[in-house]
């Protein structure tokens, strides 16, 4: 029985390198727009302040918030 196991294992190992070889083409390079630009968060905030602020909308607290046993908070309701 042990011999059969060893023969099967050696046979599978002999076939495995060909079966596991990569045949797919490498992924294409990202387009130029997706390349990192070196901008910081502050640069982006200065360029697009309306993305980060909401004017004219008053703050409303969550009407039903809970605290989980691990200390995380969650809002269960909509204002």
N, C-alpha and C. Protein backbone atom coordinates (compact mmCIF):
# COMPACT_ATOMS: atom_id res chain seq x y z
N UNK A 1 0.82 -1.19 0.00
CA UNK A 1 0.00 0.00 0.00
C UNK A 1 0.87 1.26 0.00
N UNK A 2 1.94 1.24 0.80
CA UNK A 2 2.83 2.39 0.87
C UNK A 2 3.52 2.62 -0.48
N UNK A 3 3.86 1.54 -1.17
CA UNK A 3 4.51 1.68 -2.49
C UNK A 3 3.57 2.36 -3.47
N UNK A 4 2.30 1.98 -3.43
CA UNK A 4 1.32 2.59 -4.33
C UNK A 4 1.22 4.09 -4.05
N UNK A 5 1.21 4.47 -2.77
CA UNK A 5 1.16 5.87 -2.40
C UNK A 5 2.38 6.62 -2.92
N UNK A 6 3.55 6.04 -2.76
CA UNK A 6 4.78 6.68 -3.22
C UNK A 6 4.78 6.83 -4.73
N UNK A 7 4.34 5.80 -5.45
CA UNK A 7 4.30 5.86 -6.92
C UNK A 7 3.31 6.94 -7.36
N UNK A 8 2.16 7.02 -6.70
CA UNK A 8 1.16 8.03 -7.06
C UNK A 8 1.70 9.43 -6.77
N UNK A 9 2.38 9.60 -5.64
CA UNK A 9 2.92 10.92 -5.29
C UNK A 9 3.99 11.35 -6.28
N UNK A 10 4.89 10.44 -6.65
CA UNK A 10 5.95 10.77 -7.61
C UNK A 10 5.35 11.09 -8.97
N UNK A 11 4.32 10.35 -9.37
CA UNK A 11 3.67 10.61 -10.66
C UNK A 11 3.02 12.00 -10.68
N UNK A 12 2.34 12.35 -9.58
CA UNK A 12 1.71 13.67 -9.51
C UNK A 12 2.75 14.78 -9.51
N UNK A 13 3.87 14.57 -8.82
CA UNK A 13 4.92 15.59 -8.82
C UNK A 13 5.55 15.74 -10.18
N UNK A 14 5.62 14.66 -10.95
CA UNK A 14 6.18 14.74 -12.29
C UNK A 14 5.26 15.53 -13.22
N UNK A 15 3.95 15.45 -13.00
CA UNK A 15 3.00 16.15 -13.85
C UNK A 15 2.73 17.58 -13.39
N UNK A 16 2.96 17.86 -12.13
CA UNK A 16 2.60 19.15 -11.55
C UNK A 16 3.31 20.35 -12.18
N UNK A 17 4.63 20.31 -12.44
CA UNK A 17 5.26 21.51 -12.98
C UNK A 17 4.65 21.97 -14.30
N UNK A 18 4.27 21.05 -15.17
CA UNK A 18 3.64 21.43 -16.43
C UNK A 18 2.24 21.96 -16.22
N UNK A 19 1.54 21.42 -15.25
CA UNK A 19 0.17 21.84 -14.99
C UNK A 19 0.12 23.20 -14.30
N UNK A 20 1.14 23.51 -13.52
CA UNK A 20 1.14 24.76 -12.78
C UNK A 20 1.86 25.90 -13.48
N UNK A 21 2.46 25.62 -14.64
CA UNK A 21 3.20 26.66 -15.35
C UNK A 21 2.25 27.76 -15.80
N UNK A 22 2.69 29.00 -15.72
CA UNK A 22 1.86 30.12 -16.13
C UNK A 22 1.86 30.23 -17.64
N UNK A 23 0.68 30.23 -18.22
CA UNK A 23 0.56 30.38 -19.66
C UNK A 23 -0.13 31.68 -20.03
N UNK A 24 -0.65 32.41 -19.04
CA UNK A 24 -1.35 33.66 -19.30
C UNK A 24 -0.34 34.76 -19.62
N UNK A 25 -0.82 35.73 -20.40
CA UNK A 25 0.02 36.87 -20.73
C UNK A 25 0.11 37.79 -19.51
N UNK A 26 1.22 38.51 -19.37
CA UNK A 26 1.32 39.44 -18.23
C UNK A 26 0.28 40.55 -18.36
N UNK A 27 -0.11 41.09 -17.23
CA UNK A 27 -1.11 42.16 -17.21
C UNK A 27 -0.56 43.39 -17.91
N UNK A 28 -1.40 44.09 -18.67
CA UNK A 28 -0.93 45.30 -19.34
C UNK A 28 -0.62 46.39 -18.33
N UNK A 29 0.21 47.33 -18.73
CA UNK A 29 0.57 48.45 -17.85
C UNK A 29 -0.66 49.31 -17.60
N UNK A 30 -0.71 49.96 -16.43
CA UNK A 30 -1.83 50.82 -16.12
C UNK A 30 -1.81 52.04 -17.04
N UNK A 31 -2.98 52.55 -17.36
CA UNK A 31 -3.01 53.77 -18.19
C UNK A 31 -2.37 54.94 -17.46
N UNK A 32 -1.97 55.93 -18.21
CA UNK A 32 -1.26 57.07 -17.65
C UNK A 32 -2.07 57.78 -16.56
N UNK A 33 -3.40 57.81 -16.70
CA UNK A 33 -4.23 58.51 -15.71
C UNK A 33 -4.21 57.79 -14.36
N UNK A 34 -3.94 56.50 -14.35
CA UNK A 34 -3.96 55.75 -13.10
C UNK A 34 -2.58 55.70 -12.43
N UNK A 35 -1.58 56.27 -13.06
CA UNK A 35 -0.23 56.27 -12.49
C UNK A 35 -0.19 57.22 -11.30
N UNK A 36 0.55 56.90 -10.27
CA UNK A 36 0.67 57.83 -9.14
C UNK A 36 1.24 59.17 -9.60
N UNK A 37 0.67 60.25 -9.12
CA UNK A 37 1.08 61.57 -9.59
C UNK A 37 1.98 62.31 -8.62
N UNK A 38 2.11 61.82 -7.40
CA UNK A 38 2.94 62.50 -6.42
C UNK A 38 2.21 63.61 -5.69
N UNK A 39 0.91 63.77 -5.93
CA UNK A 39 0.13 64.78 -5.22
C UNK A 39 -0.17 64.29 -3.81
N UNK A 40 -0.21 65.22 -2.89
CA UNK A 40 -0.57 64.87 -1.52
C UNK A 40 -2.05 65.17 -1.30
N UNK A 41 -2.58 64.76 -0.17
CA UNK A 41 -3.97 65.04 0.18
C UNK A 41 -4.22 66.54 0.23
N UNK A 42 -3.27 67.31 0.77
CA UNK A 42 -3.43 68.76 0.85
C UNK A 42 -3.51 69.39 -0.54
N UNK A 43 -2.72 68.90 -1.48
CA UNK A 43 -2.77 69.42 -2.85
C UNK A 43 -4.15 69.20 -3.46
N UNK A 44 -4.70 68.03 -3.25
CA UNK A 44 -6.00 67.72 -3.82
C UNK A 44 -7.10 68.54 -3.15
N UNK A 45 -7.02 68.76 -1.85
CA UNK A 45 -8.00 69.58 -1.14
C UNK A 45 -7.95 71.01 -1.67
N UNK A 46 -6.75 71.54 -1.92
CA UNK A 46 -6.63 72.90 -2.45
C UNK A 46 -7.20 72.99 -3.87
N UNK A 47 -7.03 71.95 -4.67
CA UNK A 47 -7.53 71.98 -6.05
C UNK A 47 -9.05 71.81 -6.11
N UNK A 48 -9.60 71.00 -5.20
CA UNK A 48 -11.03 70.68 -5.24
C UNK A 48 -11.64 70.81 -3.85
N UNK A 49 -11.78 72.03 -3.34
CA UNK A 49 -12.31 72.18 -1.97
C UNK A 49 -13.76 71.70 -1.84
N UNK A 50 -14.54 71.77 -2.92
CA UNK A 50 -15.94 71.35 -2.84
C UNK A 50 -16.09 69.84 -2.67
N UNK A 51 -15.06 69.08 -2.96
CA UNK A 51 -15.12 67.63 -2.75
C UNK A 51 -15.09 67.28 -1.26
N UNK A 52 -14.57 68.16 -0.43
CA UNK A 52 -14.32 67.84 0.97
C UNK A 52 -15.17 68.63 1.96
N UNK A 53 -15.95 69.56 1.48
CA UNK A 53 -16.78 70.36 2.39
C UNK A 53 -18.23 70.35 1.92
N UNK A 54 -19.13 70.49 2.87
CA UNK A 54 -20.55 70.60 2.57
C UNK A 54 -21.06 71.88 3.23
N UNK A 55 -21.45 72.82 2.43
CA UNK A 55 -21.94 74.08 2.97
C UNK A 55 -23.45 74.12 2.89
N UNK A 56 -24.07 74.70 3.89
CA UNK A 56 -25.51 74.86 3.89
C UNK A 56 -26.26 73.64 4.40
N UNK A 57 -25.58 72.58 4.72
CA UNK A 57 -26.24 71.39 5.25
C UNK A 57 -25.92 71.31 6.74
N UNK A 58 -26.94 71.49 7.59
CA UNK A 58 -26.67 71.44 9.03
C UNK A 58 -26.34 70.01 9.47
N UNK A 59 -25.51 69.92 10.49
CA UNK A 59 -25.15 68.62 11.04
C UNK A 59 -26.32 68.06 11.83
N UNK A 60 -26.64 66.80 11.60
CA UNK A 60 -27.67 66.12 12.38
C UNK A 60 -27.07 64.83 12.94
N UNK A 61 -27.17 64.69 14.23
CA UNK A 61 -26.63 63.48 14.86
C UNK A 61 -27.46 62.27 14.47
N UNK A 62 -26.88 61.11 14.61
CA UNK A 62 -27.57 59.86 14.30
C UNK A 62 -28.74 59.68 15.28
N UNK A 63 -29.94 59.38 14.76
CA UNK A 63 -31.08 59.23 15.67
C UNK A 63 -31.04 57.96 16.51
N UNK A 64 -30.28 56.97 16.10
CA UNK A 64 -30.24 55.72 16.84
C UNK A 64 -28.86 55.09 16.69
N UNK A 65 -27.96 55.39 17.61
CA UNK A 65 -26.63 54.81 17.50
C UNK A 65 -26.44 53.78 18.61
N UNK A 66 -25.63 52.78 18.31
CA UNK A 66 -25.35 51.72 19.27
C UNK A 66 -23.84 51.54 19.39
N UNK A 67 -23.44 50.91 20.49
CA UNK A 67 -22.03 50.59 20.71
C UNK A 67 -21.93 49.08 20.85
N UNK A 68 -21.08 48.45 20.03
CA UNK A 68 -20.89 47.01 20.09
C UNK A 68 -19.97 46.64 21.25
N UNK A 69 -20.00 45.38 21.67
CA UNK A 69 -19.16 44.96 22.81
C UNK A 69 -17.66 45.23 22.61
N UNK A 70 -17.21 45.25 21.34
CA UNK A 70 -15.79 45.52 21.12
C UNK A 70 -15.46 47.01 21.06
N UNK A 71 -16.45 47.88 21.30
CA UNK A 71 -16.22 49.32 21.36
C UNK A 71 -16.53 50.08 20.09
N UNK A 72 -16.86 49.39 19.00
CA UNK A 72 -17.18 50.09 17.76
C UNK A 72 -18.57 50.70 17.83
N UNK A 73 -18.76 51.83 17.16
CA UNK A 73 -20.04 52.51 17.13
C UNK A 73 -20.70 52.30 15.77
N UNK A 74 -22.03 52.30 15.75
CA UNK A 74 -22.76 52.17 14.49
C UNK A 74 -24.05 52.99 14.57
N UNK A 75 -24.42 53.56 13.45
CA UNK A 75 -25.66 54.32 13.34
C UNK A 75 -26.70 53.41 12.68
N UNK A 76 -27.85 53.24 13.32
CA UNK A 76 -28.87 52.33 12.81
C UNK A 76 -30.04 53.06 12.17
N UNK A 77 -30.04 54.38 12.18
CA UNK A 77 -31.19 55.10 11.65
C UNK A 77 -30.79 56.19 10.68
N UNK A 78 -31.76 56.70 9.97
CA UNK A 78 -31.56 57.82 9.06
C UNK A 78 -32.26 59.03 9.62
N UNK A 79 -31.68 60.22 9.46
CA UNK A 79 -32.32 61.42 9.98
C UNK A 79 -33.58 61.76 9.20
